[in-house]
N, C-alpha and C. Protein backbone atom coordinates (compact mmCIF):
# COMPACT_ATOMS: atom_id res chain seq x y z
N MET A 1 91.73 74.15 128.02
CA MET A 1 91.48 74.98 126.88
C MET A 1 92.59 74.75 125.88
N SER A 2 92.24 74.50 124.64
CA SER A 2 93.26 74.28 123.61
C SER A 2 93.83 75.60 123.15
N SER A 3 94.95 75.55 122.41
CA SER A 3 95.61 76.78 121.97
C SER A 3 94.74 77.58 121.02
N GLY A 4 93.75 76.97 120.37
CA GLY A 4 92.87 77.68 119.46
C GLY A 4 91.69 78.34 120.14
N GLU A 5 91.46 78.05 121.44
CA GLU A 5 90.32 78.61 122.16
C GLU A 5 90.78 79.83 122.95
N SER A 6 89.87 80.74 123.18
CA SER A 6 90.17 81.88 124.03
C SER A 6 89.19 81.88 125.19
N ALA A 7 89.62 82.41 126.30
CA ALA A 7 88.76 82.48 127.48
C ALA A 7 87.68 83.52 127.24
N GLN A 8 86.49 83.25 127.70
CA GLN A 8 85.39 84.20 127.59
C GLN A 8 85.58 85.30 128.63
N ALA A 9 85.44 86.55 128.20
CA ALA A 9 85.59 87.68 129.12
C ALA A 9 84.41 87.71 130.08
N ALA A 10 84.71 87.99 131.35
CA ALA A 10 83.66 88.19 132.34
C ALA A 10 83.32 89.67 132.37
N VAL A 11 82.03 89.98 132.36
CA VAL A 11 81.57 91.37 132.38
C VAL A 11 80.69 91.54 133.60
N VAL A 12 81.01 92.55 134.43
CA VAL A 12 80.26 92.81 135.66
C VAL A 12 79.66 94.21 135.57
N VAL A 13 78.37 94.31 135.83
CA VAL A 13 77.70 95.61 135.84
C VAL A 13 78.07 96.35 137.12
N VAL A 14 78.47 97.62 136.97
CA VAL A 14 78.82 98.44 138.11
C VAL A 14 77.66 99.35 138.49
N GLY A 15 77.01 99.94 137.50
CA GLY A 15 75.90 100.85 137.74
C GLY A 15 75.76 101.82 136.59
N ARG A 16 74.93 102.83 136.78
CA ARG A 16 74.72 103.84 135.75
C ARG A 16 75.86 104.86 135.78
N VAL A 17 76.25 105.34 134.62
CA VAL A 17 77.34 106.31 134.54
C VAL A 17 76.98 107.60 135.27
N ASP A 18 75.70 107.96 135.29
CA ASP A 18 75.31 109.21 135.96
C ASP A 18 75.34 109.09 137.49
N GLU A 19 75.61 107.90 138.01
CA GLU A 19 75.78 107.72 139.46
C GLU A 19 77.18 108.12 139.92
N PHE A 20 78.08 108.35 138.96
CA PHE A 20 79.45 108.72 139.29
C PHE A 20 79.62 110.23 139.22
N GLY A 21 79.93 110.83 140.37
CA GLY A 21 80.24 112.25 140.44
C GLY A 21 81.70 112.40 140.77
N PRO A 22 82.16 113.63 141.00
CA PRO A 22 83.56 113.85 141.35
C PRO A 22 83.99 113.01 142.55
N GLU A 23 85.08 112.30 142.38
CA GLU A 23 85.68 111.48 143.43
C GLU A 23 84.78 110.36 143.94
N SER A 24 83.75 110.01 143.18
CA SER A 24 82.90 108.91 143.63
C SER A 24 83.52 107.59 143.23
N ARG A 25 83.08 106.55 143.88
CA ARG A 25 83.61 105.21 143.62
C ARG A 25 82.55 104.17 143.98
N LYS A 26 82.71 103.02 143.37
CA LYS A 26 81.82 101.89 143.66
C LYS A 26 82.66 100.64 143.76
N ALA A 27 82.27 99.76 144.66
CA ALA A 27 82.97 98.48 144.83
C ALA A 27 82.12 97.37 144.22
N VAL A 28 82.80 96.47 143.52
CA VAL A 28 82.15 95.29 142.94
C VAL A 28 83.08 94.10 143.15
N THR A 29 82.56 92.91 142.93
CA THR A 29 83.37 91.71 142.98
C THR A 29 83.49 91.16 141.56
N VAL A 30 84.73 90.93 141.13
CA VAL A 30 85.02 90.43 139.80
C VAL A 30 85.90 89.19 139.95
N ASP A 31 85.43 88.07 139.47
CA ASP A 31 86.18 86.81 139.58
C ASP A 31 86.65 86.56 141.01
N GLY A 32 85.82 86.86 141.99
CA GLY A 32 86.16 86.64 143.39
C GLY A 32 87.06 87.68 144.01
N LYS A 33 87.43 88.71 143.26
CA LYS A 33 88.31 89.76 143.77
C LYS A 33 87.51 91.04 143.98
N LYS A 34 87.85 91.77 145.04
CA LYS A 34 87.22 93.06 145.29
C LYS A 34 87.85 94.08 144.35
N VAL A 35 87.00 94.80 143.63
CA VAL A 35 87.44 95.79 142.66
C VAL A 35 86.74 97.10 142.98
N VAL A 36 87.47 98.22 142.84
CA VAL A 36 86.89 99.53 143.03
C VAL A 36 86.92 100.26 141.70
N VAL A 37 85.82 100.93 141.38
CA VAL A 37 85.70 101.72 140.17
C VAL A 37 85.63 103.18 140.58
N LEU A 38 86.51 104.00 140.01
CA LEU A 38 86.65 105.40 140.38
C LEU A 38 86.43 106.30 139.18
N LEU A 39 85.90 107.48 139.41
CA LEU A 39 85.85 108.51 138.39
C LEU A 39 87.00 109.47 138.68
N VAL A 40 87.95 109.54 137.74
CA VAL A 40 89.13 110.42 137.89
C VAL A 40 89.06 111.40 136.72
N GLY A 41 88.69 112.63 137.00
CA GLY A 41 88.44 113.57 135.92
C GLY A 41 87.25 113.07 135.13
N ASP A 42 87.47 112.80 133.85
CA ASP A 42 86.42 112.25 132.99
C ASP A 42 86.59 110.75 132.75
N ASP A 43 87.59 110.14 133.41
CA ASP A 43 87.94 108.74 133.16
C ASP A 43 87.41 107.83 134.26
N LEU A 44 86.75 106.75 133.86
CA LEU A 44 86.38 105.69 134.80
C LEU A 44 87.49 104.66 134.79
N VAL A 45 88.06 104.38 135.95
CA VAL A 45 89.12 103.39 136.07
C VAL A 45 88.73 102.37 137.13
N ALA A 46 89.27 101.16 137.00
CA ALA A 46 88.95 100.09 137.95
C ALA A 46 90.24 99.39 138.37
N TYR A 47 90.39 99.18 139.67
CA TYR A 47 91.57 98.50 140.22
C TYR A 47 91.13 97.46 141.23
N GLU A 48 91.97 96.43 141.37
CA GLU A 48 91.75 95.52 142.49
C GLU A 48 91.91 96.35 143.75
N ASN A 49 90.97 96.20 144.67
CA ASN A 49 90.95 97.02 145.88
C ASN A 49 91.91 96.45 146.92
N ARG A 50 93.19 96.42 146.53
CA ARG A 50 94.21 95.81 147.39
C ARG A 50 95.52 96.57 147.20
N CYS A 51 95.96 97.26 148.23
CA CYS A 51 97.23 97.99 148.19
C CYS A 51 98.39 97.01 148.08
N LEU A 52 99.40 97.38 147.31
CA LEU A 52 100.58 96.53 147.13
C LEU A 52 101.41 96.40 148.41
N HIS A 53 101.28 97.34 149.31
CA HIS A 53 102.10 97.35 150.52
C HIS A 53 101.69 96.25 151.48
N MET A 54 100.46 96.35 152.01
CA MET A 54 100.02 95.35 152.99
C MET A 54 98.59 94.90 152.76
N GLY A 55 98.10 95.09 151.54
CA GLY A 55 96.78 94.59 151.19
C GLY A 55 95.62 95.44 151.66
N GLY A 56 95.90 96.67 152.05
CA GLY A 56 94.84 97.56 152.52
C GLY A 56 93.82 97.89 151.44
N PRO A 57 92.67 98.41 151.84
CA PRO A 57 91.60 98.74 150.90
C PRO A 57 91.89 100.07 150.19
N VAL A 58 92.78 100.04 149.22
CA VAL A 58 93.26 101.25 148.56
C VAL A 58 92.11 102.09 148.00
N GLY A 59 91.06 101.45 147.56
CA GLY A 59 89.93 102.17 146.98
C GLY A 59 89.16 103.02 147.96
N GLU A 60 89.41 102.84 149.25
CA GLU A 60 88.76 103.67 150.26
C GLU A 60 89.58 104.93 150.56
N GLY A 61 90.74 105.05 149.92
CA GLY A 61 91.61 106.19 150.17
C GLY A 61 91.13 107.45 149.49
N ILE A 62 91.80 108.55 149.80
CA ILE A 62 91.43 109.83 149.20
C ILE A 62 92.09 110.00 147.84
N LEU A 63 91.47 110.82 147.02
CA LEU A 63 92.05 111.25 145.75
C LEU A 63 92.60 112.64 145.99
N LEU A 64 93.88 112.83 145.64
CA LEU A 64 94.56 114.08 145.95
C LEU A 64 95.60 114.36 144.88
N GLY A 65 95.73 115.61 144.48
CA GLY A 65 96.76 115.97 143.50
C GLY A 65 98.14 115.70 144.05
N ARG A 66 99.04 115.21 143.15
CA ARG A 66 100.43 114.96 143.53
C ARG A 66 101.06 116.28 143.95
N VAL A 67 101.91 116.26 144.97
CA VAL A 67 102.59 117.47 145.42
C VAL A 67 103.68 117.82 144.42
N GLU A 68 103.65 119.07 143.94
CA GLU A 68 104.63 119.56 142.97
C GLU A 68 105.39 120.75 143.56
N ALA A 69 106.68 120.82 143.25
CA ALA A 69 107.49 121.97 143.65
C ALA A 69 107.33 123.08 142.61
N VAL A 70 107.17 124.30 143.08
CA VAL A 70 107.14 125.47 142.20
C VAL A 70 108.46 126.20 142.41
N LEU A 71 109.22 126.36 141.32
CA LEU A 71 110.54 126.97 141.38
C LEU A 71 110.54 128.33 140.71
N ASP A 72 111.41 129.22 141.19
CA ASP A 72 111.56 130.52 140.52
C ASP A 72 112.57 130.40 139.39
N GLU A 73 112.91 131.53 138.74
CA GLU A 73 113.82 131.51 137.59
C GLU A 73 115.23 131.04 137.95
N ASN A 74 115.58 131.09 139.23
CA ASN A 74 116.89 130.61 139.70
C ASN A 74 116.82 129.19 140.26
N LYS A 75 115.72 128.54 140.00
CA LYS A 75 115.50 127.15 140.44
C LYS A 75 115.41 127.02 141.97
N ARG A 76 115.02 128.10 142.62
CA ARG A 76 114.80 128.05 144.07
C ARG A 76 113.34 127.72 144.34
N LEU A 77 113.12 126.99 145.40
CA LEU A 77 111.78 126.59 145.77
C LEU A 77 110.98 127.81 146.23
N VAL A 78 109.86 128.03 145.58
CA VAL A 78 108.95 129.11 145.95
C VAL A 78 107.88 128.56 146.89
N CYS A 79 107.30 127.43 146.48
CA CYS A 79 106.26 126.79 147.29
C CYS A 79 106.01 125.40 146.72
N GLU A 80 105.14 124.70 147.40
CA GLU A 80 104.67 123.41 146.90
C GLU A 80 103.17 123.53 146.73
N GLN A 81 102.66 122.82 145.72
CA GLN A 81 101.22 122.87 145.46
C GLN A 81 100.74 121.50 145.03
N PHE A 82 99.42 121.31 145.09
CA PHE A 82 98.83 120.07 144.63
C PHE A 82 98.57 120.17 143.13
N SER A 83 98.98 119.15 142.40
CA SER A 83 98.78 119.10 140.96
C SER A 83 97.29 119.00 140.64
N THR A 84 96.89 119.64 139.56
CA THR A 84 95.54 119.46 139.04
C THR A 84 95.56 118.47 137.88
N GLU A 85 96.76 118.10 137.42
CA GLU A 85 96.92 117.19 136.29
C GLU A 85 97.09 115.74 136.74
N GLU A 86 97.95 115.50 137.74
CA GLU A 86 98.20 114.14 138.21
C GLU A 86 97.53 113.93 139.56
N ILE A 87 96.49 113.12 139.53
CA ILE A 87 95.73 112.82 140.74
C ILE A 87 96.21 111.48 141.29
N GLN A 88 96.39 111.42 142.60
CA GLN A 88 96.85 110.19 143.24
C GLN A 88 95.75 109.61 144.12
N LEU A 89 95.74 108.29 144.19
CA LEU A 89 94.88 107.54 145.09
C LEU A 89 95.76 107.11 146.25
N ILE A 90 95.42 107.55 147.46
CA ILE A 90 96.25 107.33 148.65
C ILE A 90 95.62 106.24 149.51
N CYS A 91 96.36 105.16 149.74
CA CYS A 91 95.85 104.07 150.57
C CYS A 91 95.63 104.58 152.00
N PRO A 92 94.46 104.29 152.59
CA PRO A 92 94.17 104.80 153.93
C PRO A 92 94.97 104.12 155.04
N TRP A 93 95.57 102.97 154.78
CA TRP A 93 96.30 102.28 155.84
C TRP A 93 97.65 102.92 156.12
N HIS A 94 98.49 103.09 155.12
CA HIS A 94 99.85 103.57 155.35
C HIS A 94 100.30 104.65 154.38
N GLY A 95 99.37 105.19 153.59
CA GLY A 95 99.68 106.34 152.75
C GLY A 95 100.39 106.05 151.44
N TRP A 96 100.43 104.80 151.00
CA TRP A 96 101.04 104.53 149.70
C TRP A 96 100.21 105.23 148.64
N ALA A 97 100.89 105.92 147.74
CA ALA A 97 100.23 106.74 146.73
C ALA A 97 100.39 106.12 145.34
N TYR A 98 99.30 106.13 144.59
CA TYR A 98 99.27 105.57 143.24
C TYR A 98 98.68 106.60 142.28
N ASN A 99 99.21 106.65 141.06
CA ASN A 99 98.61 107.48 140.04
C ASN A 99 97.21 106.94 139.81
N ALA A 100 96.20 107.78 140.00
CA ALA A 100 94.82 107.31 139.94
C ALA A 100 94.40 106.89 138.53
N ARG A 101 95.07 107.40 137.50
CA ARG A 101 94.71 107.02 136.12
C ARG A 101 95.44 105.77 135.63
N THR A 102 96.66 105.54 136.13
CA THR A 102 97.46 104.42 135.62
C THR A 102 97.65 103.30 136.64
N GLY A 103 97.49 103.60 137.92
CA GLY A 103 97.72 102.62 138.97
C GLY A 103 99.18 102.49 139.38
N GLU A 104 100.07 103.29 138.76
CA GLU A 104 101.50 103.21 139.10
C GLU A 104 101.75 103.71 140.52
N PHE A 105 102.59 102.98 141.25
CA PHE A 105 103.00 103.37 142.60
C PHE A 105 103.94 104.56 142.48
N ALA A 106 103.70 105.60 143.26
CA ALA A 106 104.50 106.83 143.18
C ALA A 106 105.96 106.60 143.54
N GLY A 107 106.25 105.62 144.39
CA GLY A 107 107.61 105.36 144.82
C GLY A 107 108.43 104.52 143.86
N ASP A 108 107.78 103.83 142.92
CA ASP A 108 108.47 102.96 141.97
C ASP A 108 107.49 102.65 140.84
N ASN A 109 107.65 103.34 139.71
CA ASN A 109 106.66 103.21 138.65
C ASN A 109 106.65 101.85 137.95
N SER A 110 107.54 100.94 138.36
CA SER A 110 107.47 99.58 137.83
C SER A 110 106.44 98.75 138.60
N MET A 111 105.94 99.29 139.71
CA MET A 111 104.92 98.62 140.51
C MET A 111 103.59 99.32 140.25
N ARG A 112 102.53 98.53 140.09
CA ARG A 112 101.23 99.14 139.84
C ARG A 112 100.10 98.26 140.35
N LEU A 113 99.00 98.92 140.64
CA LEU A 113 97.80 98.20 141.03
C LEU A 113 97.29 97.38 139.85
N ARG A 114 96.61 96.27 140.15
CA ARG A 114 96.01 95.48 139.07
C ARG A 114 94.83 96.27 138.52
N LYS A 115 94.90 96.58 137.23
CA LYS A 115 93.88 97.40 136.58
C LYS A 115 92.94 96.52 135.77
N TYR A 116 91.67 96.89 135.76
CA TYR A 116 90.65 96.21 134.98
C TYR A 116 90.12 97.16 133.93
N GLU A 117 89.68 96.60 132.82
CA GLU A 117 89.07 97.39 131.75
C GLU A 117 87.69 97.84 132.20
N THR A 118 87.34 99.09 131.88
CA THR A 118 85.99 99.58 132.10
C THR A 118 85.37 99.92 130.76
N ARG A 119 84.07 99.78 130.68
CA ARG A 119 83.31 100.13 129.46
C ARG A 119 82.06 100.87 129.88
N VAL A 120 81.65 101.79 129.02
CA VAL A 120 80.36 102.46 129.19
C VAL A 120 79.56 102.18 127.93
N GLU A 121 78.41 101.54 128.10
CA GLU A 121 77.51 101.22 127.00
C GLU A 121 76.09 101.53 127.42
N ASP A 122 75.40 102.32 126.60
CA ASP A 122 74.01 102.68 126.87
C ASP A 122 73.82 103.23 128.27
N GLY A 123 74.78 104.06 128.71
CA GLY A 123 74.67 104.71 130.01
C GLY A 123 75.01 103.85 131.20
N MET A 124 75.45 102.62 130.97
CA MET A 124 75.82 101.71 132.05
C MET A 124 77.33 101.51 132.08
N VAL A 125 77.89 101.34 133.29
CA VAL A 125 79.32 101.11 133.48
C VAL A 125 79.54 99.63 133.74
N TYR A 126 80.56 99.07 133.07
CA TYR A 126 80.90 97.66 133.22
C TYR A 126 82.39 97.52 133.50
N VAL A 127 82.76 96.48 134.24
CA VAL A 127 84.15 96.06 134.41
C VAL A 127 84.29 94.76 133.65
N VAL A 128 85.39 94.66 132.89
CA VAL A 128 85.63 93.51 132.04
C VAL A 128 86.95 92.86 132.45
N THR A 129 86.94 91.52 132.51
CA THR A 129 88.20 90.81 132.80
C THR A 129 88.63 90.01 131.60
């Protein structure tokens, strides 16, 4: 490919947008890679279905709010609760947690899952590379 040419984007049909309910997901193959598409809140996100730790099927993990500390006015721990704002995708193999909207690894935000673009057109969901 010459410097004046650009690569053609690959577009893969995932399914109808109304097939996605809370915490639902679909697996597709994009350019030979397994990709999982998740509904997180109102956002459709797509990641390579491969955990950074040992290659586990991260997309098969649970979606769970990040654990947050609740402190009193003296900064003492009152309790811990699950966040309703930051949802994590937890790999089923060894528990590595990723921000479900960004793909960032909870233990080091410089590490992240490979994210793919998603599009919704005419009620259909697509993954774009």
